Each structure stands twice: as structure tokens, then as C-alpha cells.
């Protein structure tokens, strides 16, 4: 995908000369504070900005086709087929009144004329990829009957259903707890690497961007002010990038040292494993605590991506 665009709402300019490129198999993180223009950019890339009363001009090139000069019907042919979207807030994005399978069937029929057998075969493969059950009992469930983390995986499955060349993830972890956030980041990274899908990961969470992406672009006041490799993040110079780095809980090098960017491919992070069940550990430590003898256990914490 090659992008060069500007976006306006009436006489108000929201994005001005935004330029970037995403190559096959690459993960590009787009970060920025609230109001920087991230949502407007997503709507522009999907050809949906006119529905919000805006207008995008320039180029969004996918396999030589410019989405910004297409009709709404032509854009619909591309959207969902060649570009997949993972939105934020899964419980809002999914229709609470219909089953998970109904969501998948509707998305399948939008771009495929093959029947139920082909869909079933694709679902068996797809649900395994996103680590969800493929049994009919699970697919009959409605969004309110599954966890938020499972709902986010369903959205990822919907986005990957037609094997798109480009996946846009619009703050996909913002509504999740920290443990589920980590799981979704790992999943996106694995899918990006295994299938060679280009990933545009949009977030205000710089920690997840450093864990997931190859490059990072900083959107500030409607323009991309800096773009650099994640491994070179400490060389950032723009004040907007520096402000994001200063908001990190630890120096960026600490995070980078635990990311796959600094590890040999295929390496496995070292984790501390306690062989005893939790209740046995408590029973073993209780006499020591009662006798006033303190114990300290040091665990090595790593980030797995």
C-alpha cells in the first residue's frame, strides 16, 4: 500500500499531505495522541470518509489501483477482500442480536459465491489461526455470550476471512485488559509473520507498537512528522515523538531488549515456571510465614511476541 493524501471536513483541514508506504509482510505502527487524525486516516483508507461528511484526496494505491478515485461500488469490492479492518471496542463492533456464525457468513457472501461447504472449510482453518473453537456450539453463540478477548479474536477472524493483502488494526487492544492485550499483540504479530500480510497498526499505546511493529510513524496535528525503524526509536528527534517516549513507564531500550527485534528468529523467551500447584505452594510457605521467616521469590518477566 502506498499512501499520499489529505482529508478535509468542509473548510477544515484534518490531514495534510500524509505519506507512507507499507510493504508485504511489514508491520507499520501509526501512533499519535487523541485528536491527531488517526480515525480520519482509517476512514480515508477504507473509502468511508464521505459517510462522515469529509473528503479525502490524493492516492491510496493497492496493487496499482487508487481507492480514492473509485466509485463506492468499486471500493466495496476492495474493502474486506484486499483490505481487512480490525476495529476497536469489539462488543460495539459486533451485532449483539445475531450469532458469530451469522457475522462470518455475511462477510463471506459479500465477496464469495461458493457455498456452505467452502465456508465451513475456511472456518476450520481460520478459527485455528485465531485460537478460537470451530465447533458449532461456539459459533452459535452471540457476542454477549463470549468474553471481550474472544470477541476481539472474532473481529480478527472477520478481517482475515478473505486473506487480505493488508490488515488495518485500529486500536484493537484499547478495550482489553493487560493480559488479553498481550495475547492479541502476539496473535497479530504471528499472523503478520506467517502469512506475509502487511499490517497497519494504529494505536496511542507506544508499548504495544514497540512490541509488534517493524517501523513507527508519528501522526501529529494531521501530519506524519517522523517515521523510523522501531529499533532506532532512541534516535527520534521530533518533539511529538519525544513526548510519547517520555510517557513510557520504562526507557524504550528496556522494551526493545525484550522484543523479537533484538532476538534471533525462532528464539523462545525464558520464563519462570513453578512446578507446584498454587495451593501446595501456599501450604508449603505458611509455616515459614507463621514462624516469621520471610521468603522472597524472584521471577524473570519477559514480553513474548
C-alpha atoms as a PDB file:
ATOM      1  CA  UNK A   1       0.000   0.000   0.000  1.00  0.00           C
ATOM      2  CA  UNK A   2       1.251   3.474  -0.943  1.00  0.00           C
ATOM      3  CA  UNK A   3      -0.480   6.450   0.628  1.00  0.00           C
ATOM      4  CA  UNK A   4      -0.339  10.145  -0.114  1.00  0.00           C
ATOM      5  CA  UNK A   5      -3.472  12.018   0.916  1.00  0.00           C
ATOM      6  CA  UNK A   6      -5.106  14.934   2.613  1.00  0.00           C
ATOM      7  CA  UNK A   7      -8.512  14.989   4.268  1.00  0.00           C
ATOM      8  CA  UNK A   8     -10.915  17.831   4.977  1.00  0.00           C
ATOM      9  CA  UNK A   9     -14.242  18.364   6.673  1.00  0.00           C
ATOM     10  CA  UNK A  10     -15.661  21.293   4.761  1.00  0.00           C
ATOM     11  CA  UNK A  11     -13.119  24.095   5.076  1.00  0.00           C
ATOM     12  CA  UNK A  12     -11.326  22.452   7.983  1.00  0.00           C
ATOM     13  CA  UNK A  13      -8.186  20.505   7.079  1.00  0.00           C
ATOM     14  CA  UNK A  14      -7.677  17.420   9.286  1.00  0.00           C
ATOM     15  CA  UNK A  15      -4.909  15.566   7.420  1.00  0.00           C
ATOM     16  CA  UNK A  16      -2.345  17.392   5.304  1.00  0.00           C
ATOM     17  CA  UNK A  17      -0.055  15.565   2.891  1.00  0.00           C
ATOM     18  CA  UNK A  18       0.113  12.280   4.852  1.00  0.00           C
ATOM     19  CA  UNK A  19       2.610   9.995   3.086  1.00  0.00           C
ATOM     20  CA  UNK A  20       3.734   6.449   3.924  1.00  0.00           C
ATOM     21  CA  UNK A  21       4.203   3.008   2.385  1.00  0.00           C
ATOM     22  CA  UNK A  22       3.655  -0.498   3.774  1.00  0.00           C
ATOM     23  CA  UNK A  23       5.384  -3.443   2.152  1.00  0.00           C
ATOM     24  CA  UNK A  24       4.188  -7.046   2.127  1.00  0.00           C
ATOM     25  CA  UNK A  25       4.952  -8.760   5.443  1.00  0.00           C
ATOM     26  CA  UNK A  26       5.758  -5.482   7.179  1.00  0.00           C
ATOM     27  CA  UNK A  27       4.120  -4.136  10.326  1.00  0.00           C
ATOM     28  CA  UNK A  28       3.908  -0.345  10.453  1.00  0.00           C
ATOM     29  CA  UNK A  29       2.787   1.301  13.670  1.00  0.00           C
ATOM     30  CA  UNK A  30       0.973   4.620  13.406  1.00  0.00           C
ATOM     31  CA  UNK A  31       0.932   6.414  16.735  1.00  0.00           C
ATOM     32  CA  UNK A  32      -0.405   9.727  17.883  1.00  0.00           C
ATOM     33  CA  UNK A  33      -2.287  11.397  20.683  1.00  0.00           C
ATOM     34  CA  UNK A  34      -6.057  11.854  20.706  1.00  0.00           C
ATOM     35  CA  UNK A  35      -7.110  14.296  18.004  1.00  0.00           C
ATOM     36  CA  UNK A  36      -4.047  13.678  15.839  1.00  0.00           C
ATOM     37  CA  UNK A  37      -6.200  12.371  12.977  1.00  0.00           C
ATOM     38  CA  UNK A  38      -5.864   8.579  13.333  1.00  0.00           C
ATOM     39  CA  UNK A  39      -9.577   7.808  12.914  1.00  0.00           C
ATOM     40  CA  UNK A  40      -9.880  10.150   9.934  1.00  0.00           C
ATOM     41  CA  UNK A  41      -6.946   8.367   8.321  1.00  0.00           C
ATOM     42  CA  UNK A  42      -8.586   4.950   8.770  1.00  0.00           C
ATOM     43  CA  UNK A  43     -11.838   6.205   7.261  1.00  0.00           C
ATOM     44  CA  UNK A  44      -9.897   7.684   4.346  1.00  0.00           C
ATOM     45  CA  UNK A  45      -8.000   4.463   3.653  1.00  0.00           C
ATOM     46  CA  UNK A  46     -11.259   2.489   3.562  1.00  0.00           C
ATOM     47  CA  UNK A  47     -13.093   4.992   1.373  1.00  0.00           C
ATOM     48  CA  UNK A  48     -15.574   5.716   4.149  1.00  0.00           C
ATOM     49  CA  UNK A  49     -14.779   9.348   4.923  1.00  0.00           C
ATOM     50  CA  UNK A  50     -17.672  10.735   2.792  1.00  0.00           C
ATOM     51  CA  UNK A  51     -20.066   8.896   5.137  1.00  0.00           C
ATOM     52  CA  UNK A  52     -18.719  11.110   7.935  1.00  0.00           C
ATOM     53  CA  UNK A  53     -19.096  14.287   5.893  1.00  0.00           C
ATOM     54  CA  UNK A  54     -15.435  14.511   4.902  1.00  0.00           C
ATOM     55  CA  UNK A  55     -13.436  14.346   1.686  1.00  0.00           C
ATOM     56  CA  UNK A  56     -10.090  12.651   1.051  1.00  0.00           C
ATOM     57  CA  UNK A  57      -7.938  13.486  -1.963  1.00  0.00           C
ATOM     58  CA  UNK A  58      -4.658  12.092  -3.217  1.00  0.00           C
ATOM     59  CA  UNK A  59      -3.693   8.444  -3.592  1.00  0.00           C
ATOM     60  CA  UNK A  60      -4.254   5.211  -1.719  1.00  0.00           C
ATOM     61  CA  UNK A  61      -2.661   2.662  -4.050  1.00  0.00           C
ATOM     62  CA  UNK A  62      -3.275  -1.063  -3.654  1.00  0.00           C
ATOM     63  CA  UNK A  63      -1.905  -3.255  -6.428  1.00  0.00           C
ATOM     64  CA  UNK A  64      -1.855  -0.206  -8.681  1.00  0.00           C
ATOM     65  CA  UNK A  65      -5.468   0.813  -8.010  1.00  0.00           C
ATOM     66  CA  UNK A  66      -6.286   4.155  -6.390  1.00  0.00           C
ATOM     67  CA  UNK A  67      -9.100   3.751  -3.884  1.00  0.00           C
ATOM     68  CA  UNK A  68      -9.729   7.482  -3.693  1.00  0.00           C
ATOM     69  CA  UNK A  69     -10.798   7.716  -7.347  1.00  0.00           C
ATOM     70  CA  UNK A  70     -13.083   4.647  -7.277  1.00  0.00           C
ATOM     71  CA  UNK A  71     -16.845   4.640  -7.094  1.00  0.00           C
ATOM     72  CA  UNK A  72     -18.499   3.401  -3.903  1.00  0.00           C
ATOM     73  CA  UNK A  73     -19.255   0.049  -5.593  1.00  0.00           C
ATOM     74  CA  UNK A  74     -15.643  -0.400  -6.680  1.00  0.00           C
ATOM     75  CA  UNK A  75     -14.400   0.487  -3.208  1.00  0.00           C
ATOM     76  CA  UNK A  76     -16.768  -2.076  -1.696  1.00  0.00           C
ATOM     77  CA  UNK A  77     -15.170  -4.724  -3.926  1.00  0.00           C
ATOM     78  CA  UNK A  78     -11.762  -3.927  -2.385  1.00  0.00           C
ATOM     79  CA  UNK A  79     -12.855  -3.347   1.195  1.00  0.00           C
ATOM     80  CA  UNK A  80     -12.973  -6.628   3.079  1.00  0.00           C
ATOM     81  CA  UNK A  81     -11.370  -8.544   0.205  1.00  0.00           C
ATOM     82  CA  UNK A  82      -7.970  -6.894  -0.207  1.00  0.00           C
ATOM     83  CA  UNK A  83      -8.098  -4.721   2.920  1.00  0.00           C
ATOM     84  CA  UNK A  84      -9.215  -6.121   6.251  1.00  0.00           C
ATOM     85  CA  UNK A  85     -10.162  -3.953   9.237  1.00  0.00           C
ATOM     86  CA  UNK A  86      -9.917  -4.878  12.906  1.00  0.00           C
ATOM     87  CA  UNK A  87     -11.881  -2.160  14.745  1.00  0.00           C
ATOM     88  CA  UNK A  88     -11.665  -1.237  18.400  1.00  0.00           C
ATOM     89  CA  UNK A  89     -14.373  -1.969  21.001  1.00  0.00           C
ATOM     90  CA  UNK A  90     -15.372  -5.484  19.878  1.00  0.00           C
ATOM     91  CA  UNK A  91     -18.641  -5.541  21.791  1.00  0.00           C
ATOM     92  CA  UNK A  92     -19.733  -2.421  19.916  1.00  0.00           C
ATOM     93  CA  UNK A  93     -18.423  -3.541  16.528  1.00  0.00           C
ATOM     94  CA  UNK A  94     -20.283  -6.881  16.629  1.00  0.00           C
ATOM     95  CA  UNK A  95     -24.057  -7.133  16.307  1.00  0.00           C
ATOM     96  CA  UNK A  96     -25.360  -8.409  19.631  1.00  0.00           C
ATOM     97  CA  UNK A  97     -28.568  -9.733  18.022  1.00  0.00           C
ATOM     98  CA  UNK A  98     -27.005 -12.328  15.701  1.00  0.00           C
ATOM     99  CA  UNK A  99     -24.691 -15.306  16.133  1.00  0.00           C
ATOM    100  CA  UNK A 100     -20.976 -15.341  15.472  1.00  0.00           C
ATOM    101  CA  UNK A 101     -21.521 -17.631  12.501  1.00  0.00           C
ATOM    102  CA  UNK A 102     -24.013 -15.167  11.014  1.00  0.00           C
ATOM    103  CA  UNK A 103     -21.334 -12.471  11.126  1.00  0.00           C
ATOM    104  CA  UNK A 104     -18.898 -14.735   9.300  1.00  0.00           C
ATOM    105  CA  UNK A 105     -21.481 -15.939   6.765  1.00  0.00           C
ATOM    106  CA  UNK A 106     -22.469 -12.389   5.838  1.00  0.00           C
ATOM    107  CA  UNK A 107     -18.834 -11.344   5.392  1.00  0.00           C
ATOM    108  CA  UNK A 108     -18.210 -14.476   3.292  1.00  0.00           C
ATOM    109  CA  UNK A 109     -21.160 -13.843   0.955  1.00  0.00           C
ATOM    110  CA  UNK A 110     -20.005 -10.267   0.364  1.00  0.00           C
ATOM    111  CA  UNK A 111     -17.057 -11.492  -1.707  1.00  0.00           C
ATOM    112  CA  UNK A 112     -17.578 -15.212  -2.365  1.00  0.00           C
ATOM    113  CA  UNK A 113     -20.168 -17.079  -4.411  1.00  0.00           C
ATOM    114  CA  UNK A 114     -19.112 -20.507  -3.130  1.00  0.00           C
ATOM    115  CA  UNK A 115     -21.434 -22.333  -0.794  1.00  0.00           C
ATOM    116  CA  UNK A 116     -21.574 -23.557   2.780  1.00  0.00           C
ATOM    117  CA  UNK A 117     -19.010 -26.324   2.307  1.00  0.00           C
ATOM    118  CA  UNK A 118     -16.301 -23.866   1.239  1.00  0.00           C
ATOM    119  CA  UNK A 119     -17.152 -21.587   4.161  1.00  0.00           C
ATOM    120  CA  UNK A 120     -17.006 -24.464   6.646  1.00  0.00           C
ATOM    121  CA  UNK A 121     -13.574 -25.462   5.366  1.00  0.00           C
ATOM    122  CA  UNK A 122     -12.328 -21.884   5.650  1.00  0.00           C
ATOM    123  CA  UNK A 123     -13.743 -21.518   9.172  1.00  0.00           C
ATOM    124  CA  UNK A 124     -11.964 -24.647  10.383  1.00  0.00           C
ATOM    125  CA  UNK A 125      -8.677 -23.173   9.224  1.00  0.00           C
ATOM    126  CA  UNK A 126      -9.387 -19.613  10.286  1.00  0.00           C
ATOM    127  CA  UNK A 127     -10.618 -20.333  13.807  1.00  0.00           C
ATOM    128  CA  UNK A 128      -7.491 -22.375  14.474  1.00  0.00           C
ATOM    129  CA  UNK A 129      -5.368 -19.420  13.321  1.00  0.00           C
ATOM    130  CA  UNK A 130      -7.039 -17.017  15.765  1.00  0.00           C
ATOM    131  CA  UNK A 131      -7.138 -19.670  18.509  1.00  0.00           C
ATOM    132  CA  UNK A 132     -10.910 -19.975  18.829  1.00  0.00           C
ATOM    133  CA  UNK A 133     -13.141 -23.087  18.822  1.00  0.00           C
ATOM    134  CA  UNK A 134     -14.611 -24.021  15.440  1.00  0.00           C
ATOM    135  CA  UNK A 135     -17.406 -26.122  16.952  1.00  0.00           C
ATOM    136  CA  UNK A 136     -20.957 -25.203  16.023  1.00  0.00           C
ATOM    137  CA  UNK A 137     -21.817 -24.681  19.699  1.00  0.00           C
ATOM    138  CA  UNK A 138     -19.351 -21.797  19.865  1.00  0.00           C
ATOM    139  CA  UNK A 139     -20.317 -20.312  16.502  1.00  0.00           C
ATOM    140  CA  UNK A 140     -23.989 -20.317  17.541  1.00  0.00           C
ATOM    141  CA  UNK A 141     -23.148 -18.032  20.463  1.00  0.00           C
ATOM    142  CA  UNK A 142     -23.904 -14.332  20.322  1.00  0.00           C
ATOM    143  CA  UNK A 143     -21.322 -11.652  21.138  1.00  0.00           C
ATOM    144  CA  UNK A 144     -22.724 -11.120  24.635  1.00  0.00           C
ATOM    145  CA  UNK A 145     -22.142 -14.781  25.468  1.00  0.00           C
ATOM    146  CA  UNK A 146     -18.367 -14.724  24.912  1.00  0.00           C
ATOM    147  CA  UNK A 147     -15.539 -12.795  26.562  1.00  0.00           C
ATOM    148  CA  UNK A 148     -14.233  -9.486  25.250  1.00  0.00           C
ATOM    149  CA  UNK A 149     -10.955 -11.153  24.317  1.00  0.00           C
ATOM    150  CA  UNK A 150     -12.791 -13.808  22.313  1.00  0.00           C
ATOM    151  CA  UNK A 151     -14.867 -11.112  20.636  1.00  0.00           C
ATOM    152  CA  UNK A 152     -11.681  -9.318  19.571  1.00  0.00           C
ATOM    153  CA  UNK A 153     -10.408 -12.573  18.046  1.00  0.00           C
ATOM    154  CA  UNK A 154     -13.703 -12.898  16.166  1.00  0.00           C
ATOM    155  CA  UNK A 155     -13.103  -9.433  14.689  1.00  0.00           C
ATOM    156  CA  UNK A 156      -9.624 -10.530  13.628  1.00  0.00           C
ATOM    157  CA  UNK A 157     -11.134 -13.637  12.038  1.00  0.00           C
ATOM    158  CA  UNK A 158     -13.636 -11.481  10.134  1.00  0.00           C
ATOM    159  CA  UNK A 159     -10.822  -9.263   8.877  1.00  0.00           C
ATOM    160  CA  UNK A 160      -8.756 -12.274   7.725  1.00  0.00           C
ATOM    161  CA  UNK A 161     -11.638 -14.255   6.237  1.00  0.00           C
ATOM    162  CA  UNK A 162     -10.740 -13.454   2.613  1.00  0.00           C
ATOM    163  CA  UNK A 163      -6.964 -13.464   3.146  1.00  0.00           C
ATOM    164  CA  UNK A 164      -6.453  -9.731   2.532  1.00  0.00           C
ATOM    165  CA  UNK A 165      -3.088  -8.348   1.486  1.00  0.00           C
ATOM    166  CA  UNK A 166      -3.386  -5.530   4.040  1.00  0.00           C
ATOM    167  CA  UNK A 167      -4.734  -5.612   7.581  1.00  0.00           C
ATOM    168  CA  UNK A 168      -5.616  -2.357   9.339  1.00  0.00           C
ATOM    169  CA  UNK A 169      -5.868  -2.724  13.109  1.00  0.00           C
ATOM    170  CA  UNK A 170      -7.465   0.393  14.601  1.00  0.00           C
ATOM    171  CA  UNK A 171      -6.544   0.432  18.298  1.00  0.00           C
ATOM    172  CA  UNK A 172      -7.549  -3.239  18.671  1.00  0.00           C
ATOM    173  CA  UNK A 173      -6.360  -3.508  22.292  1.00  0.00           C
ATOM    174  CA  UNK A 174      -7.841  -0.321  23.754  1.00  0.00           C
ATOM    175  CA  UNK A 175     -10.867  -2.088  25.308  1.00  0.00           C
ATOM    176  CA  UNK A 176      -8.927  -5.073  26.660  1.00  0.00           C
ATOM    177  CA  UNK A 177      -7.282  -5.908  29.973  1.00  0.00           C
ATOM    178  CA  UNK A 178      -3.434  -6.076  30.012  1.00  0.00           C
ATOM    179  CA  UNK A 179      -3.238  -9.880  29.764  1.00  0.00           C
ATOM    180  CA  UNK A 180      -5.632 -10.025  26.807  1.00  0.00           C
ATOM    181  CA  UNK A 181      -3.849  -7.075  25.199  1.00  0.00           C
ATOM    182  CA  UNK A 182      -0.619  -9.046  25.270  1.00  0.00           C
ATOM    183  CA  UNK A 183      -2.309 -12.091  23.738  1.00  0.00           C
ATOM    184  CA  UNK A 184      -3.814 -10.061  20.883  1.00  0.00           C
ATOM    185  CA  UNK A 185      -0.489  -8.361  20.138  1.00  0.00           C
ATOM    186  CA  UNK A 186       1.216 -11.768  19.953  1.00  0.00           C
ATOM    187  CA  UNK A 187      -1.536 -13.073  17.685  1.00  0.00           C
ATOM    188  CA  UNK A 188      -1.272 -10.139  15.278  1.00  0.00           C
ATOM    189  CA  UNK A 189       2.498 -10.485  15.171  1.00  0.00           C
ATOM    190  CA  UNK A 190       2.279 -14.206  14.401  1.00  0.00           C
ATOM    191  CA  UNK A 191      -0.317 -13.729  11.666  1.00  0.00           C
ATOM    192  CA  UNK A 192       1.731 -10.932  10.150  1.00  0.00           C
ATOM    193  CA  UNK A 193       4.851 -13.111  10.034  1.00  0.00           C
ATOM    194  CA  UNK A 194       3.257 -16.405   8.988  1.00  0.00           C
ATOM    195  CA  UNK A 195       1.059 -15.084   6.182  1.00  0.00           C
ATOM    196  CA  UNK A 196       3.096 -12.115   4.961  1.00  0.00           C
ATOM    197  CA  UNK A 197       0.123  -9.811   5.482  1.00  0.00           C
ATOM    198  CA  UNK A 198       1.028  -6.134   5.584  1.00  0.00           C
ATOM    199  CA  UNK A 199      -0.141  -4.682   8.901  1.00  0.00           C
ATOM    200  CA  UNK A 200      -1.018  -1.084   9.690  1.00  0.00           C
ATOM    201  CA  UNK A 201      -1.306  -0.996  13.475  1.00  0.00           C
ATOM    202  CA  UNK A 202      -2.897   2.225  14.715  1.00  0.00           C
ATOM    203  CA  UNK A 203      -2.599   2.992  18.394  1.00  0.00           C
ATOM    204  CA  UNK A 204      -1.798   5.537  21.053  1.00  0.00           C
ATOM    205  CA  UNK A 205      -0.136   2.732  23.039  1.00  0.00           C
ATOM    206  CA  UNK A 206       3.559   3.020  22.229  1.00  0.00           C
ATOM    207  CA  UNK A 207       4.434  -0.085  24.263  1.00  0.00           C
ATOM    208  CA  UNK A 208       2.419  -2.405  22.002  1.00  0.00           C
ATOM    209  CA  UNK A 209       3.812  -0.666  18.907  1.00  0.00           C
ATOM    210  CA  UNK A 210       7.377  -1.346  20.031  1.00  0.00           C
ATOM    211  CA  UNK A 211       6.486  -4.983  20.676  1.00  0.00           C
ATOM    212  CA  UNK A 212       4.660  -5.565  17.410  1.00  0.00           C
ATOM    213  CA  UNK A 213       5.926  -3.333  14.611  1.00  0.00           C
ATOM    214  CA  UNK A 214       8.954  -3.030  12.332  1.00  0.00           C
ATOM    215  CA  UNK A 215       8.604   0.714  11.755  1.00  0.00           C
ATOM    216  CA  UNK A 216       6.768   3.514  13.502  1.00  0.00           C
ATOM    217  CA  UNK A 217       5.215   6.660  12.060  1.00  0.00           C
ATOM    218  CA  UNK A 218       4.154   9.504  14.335  1.00  0.00           C
ATOM    219  CA  UNK A 219       0.991  11.418  13.419  1.00  0.00           C
ATOM    220  CA  UNK A 220       0.819  14.885  14.925  1.00  0.00           C
ATOM    221  CA  UNK A 221      -1.649  17.662  14.082  1.00  0.00           C
ATOM    222  CA  UNK A 222      -2.695  15.929  10.875  1.00  0.00           C
ATOM    223  CA  UNK A 223       0.786  15.220   9.512  1.00  0.00           C
ATOM    224  CA  UNK A 224       3.325  12.430   9.829  1.00  0.00           C
ATOM    225  CA  UNK A 225       6.211  14.211  11.498  1.00  0.00           C
ATOM    226  CA  UNK A 226       8.606  11.287  11.921  1.00  0.00           C
ATOM    227  CA  UNK A 227       8.990   7.740  10.611  1.00  0.00           C
ATOM    228  CA  UNK A 228      11.761   5.401  11.687  1.00  0.00           C
ATOM    229  CA  UNK A 229      12.569   1.767  12.399  1.00  0.00           C
ATOM    230  CA  UNK A 230      11.439   0.597  15.827  1.00  0.00           C
ATOM    231  CA  UNK A 231      14.980  -0.498  16.636  1.00  0.00           C
ATOM    232  CA  UNK A 232      16.120   3.099  16.062  1.00  0.00           C
ATOM    233  CA  UNK A 233      13.439   4.711  18.214  1.00  0.00           C
ATOM    234  CA  UNK A 234      16.059   6.187  20.538  1.00  0.00           C
ATOM    235  CA  UNK A 235      17.269   8.307  17.619  1.00  0.00           C
ATOM    236  CA  UNK A 236      13.929  10.150  17.402  1.00  0.00           C
ATOM    237  CA  UNK A 237      14.231  13.917  17.155  1.00  0.00           C
ATOM    238  CA  UNK A 238      10.744  15.395  16.766  1.00  0.00           C
ATOM    239  CA  UNK A 239       9.160  16.817  19.902  1.00  0.00           C
ATOM    240  CA  UNK A 240       5.940  14.811  19.387  1.00  0.00           C
ATOM    241  CA  UNK A 241       7.881  11.536  19.282  1.00  0.00           C
ATOM    242  CA  UNK A 242       9.989  12.524  22.276  1.00  0.00           C
ATOM    243  CA  UNK A 243       6.850  13.313  24.268  1.00  0.00           C
ATOM    244  CA  UNK A 244       5.494   9.813  23.553  1.00  0.00           C
ATOM    245  CA  UNK A 245       8.797   8.247  24.602  1.00  0.00           C
ATOM    246  CA  UNK A 246       8.877  10.236  27.823  1.00  0.00           C
ATOM    247  CA  UNK A 247       5.425   8.860  28.695  1.00  0.00           C
ATOM    248  CA  UNK A 248       6.709   5.261  28.624  1.00  0.00           C
ATOM    249  CA  UNK A 249       6.877   3.520  32.013  1.00  0.00           C
ATOM    250  CA  UNK A 250      10.473   2.408  31.283  1.00  0.00           C
ATOM    251  CA  UNK A 251      13.158   3.554  28.817  1.00  0.00           C
ATOM    252  CA  UNK A 252      12.452   2.285  25.269  1.00  0.00           C
ATOM    253  CA  UNK A 253      15.658   0.216  25.229  1.00  0.00           C
ATOM    254  CA  UNK A 254      14.315  -1.944  28.072  1.00  0.00           C
ATOM    255  CA  UNK A 255      11.236  -2.760  25.979  1.00  0.00           C
ATOM    256  CA  UNK A 256      13.224  -3.328  22.811  1.00  0.00           C
ATOM    257  CA  UNK A 257      15.537  -5.769  24.555  1.00  0.00           C
ATOM    258  CA  UNK A 258      12.521  -7.999  25.223  1.00  0.00           C
ATOM    259  CA  UNK A 259      11.079  -7.793  21.719  1.00  0.00           C
ATOM    260  CA  UNK A 260      11.678 -10.104  18.804  1.00  0.00           C
ATOM    261  CA  UNK A 261      13.531  -7.322  17.005  1.00  0.00           C
ATOM    262  CA  UNK A 262      16.534  -7.974  19.222  1.00  0.00           C
ATOM    263  CA  UNK A 263      16.261 -11.784  19.399  1.00  0.00           C
ATOM    264  CA  UNK A 264      17.244 -14.433  16.853  1.00  0.00           C
ATOM    265  CA  UNK A 265      14.274 -15.667  14.839  1.00  0.00           C
ATOM    266  CA  UNK A 266      12.596 -18.620  16.460  1.00  0.00           C
ATOM    267  CA  UNK A 267      14.043 -17.957  19.900  1.00  0.00           C
ATOM    268  CA  UNK A 268      11.899 -18.640  22.918  1.00  0.00           C
ATOM    269  CA  UNK A 269      11.815 -16.171  25.761  1.00  0.00           C
ATOM    270  CA  UNK A 270      12.875 -17.534  29.119  1.00  0.00           C
ATOM    271  CA  UNK A 271      10.087 -17.776  31.656  1.00  0.00           C
ATOM    272  CA  UNK A 272       9.974 -18.758  35.273  1.00  0.00           C
ATOM    273  CA  UNK A 273       7.885 -21.875  35.835  1.00  0.00           C
ATOM    274  CA  UNK A 274       6.855 -23.085  39.283  1.00  0.00           C
ATOM    275  CA  UNK A 275       6.196 -26.838  39.246  1.00  0.00           C
ATOM    276  CA  UNK A 276       3.900 -26.881  42.266  1.00  0.00           C
ATOM    277  CA  UNK A 277       0.174 -26.124  42.181  1.00  0.00           C
ATOM    278  CA  UNK A 278      -0.815 -22.846  43.793  1.00  0.00           C
ATOM    279  CA  UNK A 279      -2.445 -24.424  46.857  1.00  0.00           C
ATOM    280  CA  UNK A 280       0.599 -26.603  47.564  1.00  0.00           C
ATOM    281  CA  UNK A 281       2.874 -23.569  47.384  1.00  0.00           C
ATOM    282  CA  UNK A 282       0.683 -21.732  49.870  1.00  0.00           C
ATOM    283  CA  UNK A 283       0.707 -24.698  52.273  1.00  0.00           C
ATOM    284  CA  UNK A 284       4.475 -25.019  51.946  1.00  0.00           C
ATOM    285  CA  UNK A 285       5.062 -21.330  52.720  1.00  0.00           C
ATOM    286  CA  UNK A 286       2.517 -20.990  55.526  1.00  0.00           C
ATOM    287  CA  UNK A 287       4.729 -22.453  58.325  1.00  0.00           C
ATOM    288  CA  UNK A 288       7.545 -20.103  57.369  1.00  0.00           C
ATOM    289  CA  UNK A 289       5.231 -17.100  57.454  1.00  0.00           C
ATOM    290  CA  UNK A 290       3.791 -18.150  60.822  1.00  0.00           C
ATOM    291  CA  UNK A 291       7.290 -18.515  62.236  1.00  0.00           C
ATOM    292  CA  UNK A 292       8.254 -15.062  60.990  1.00  0.00           C
ATOM    293  CA  UNK A 293      10.686 -16.305  58.359  1.00  0.00           C
ATOM    294  CA  UNK A 294      10.149 -14.269  55.220  1.00  0.00           C
ATOM    295  CA  UNK A 295      10.687 -15.700  51.772  1.00  0.00           C
ATOM    296  CA  UNK A 296      11.273 -13.882  48.530  1.00  0.00           C
ATOM    297  CA  UNK A 297      10.756 -15.329  45.091  1.00  0.00           C
ATOM    298  CA  UNK A 298      12.324 -13.541  42.128  1.00  0.00           C
ATOM    299  CA  UNK A 299      10.675 -14.103  38.775  1.00  0.00           C
ATOM    300  CA  UNK A 300      12.174 -13.146  35.454  1.00  0.00           C
ATOM    301  CA  UNK A 301       9.482 -11.306  33.494  1.00  0.00           C
ATOM    302  CA  UNK A 302       9.712 -11.133  29.738  1.00  0.00           C
ATOM    303  CA  UNK A 303       7.485  -9.969  26.949  1.00  0.00           C
ATOM    304  CA  UNK A 304       6.707 -12.650  24.401  1.00  0.00           C
ATOM    305  CA  UNK A 305       5.904 -11.577  20.881  1.00  0.00           C
END
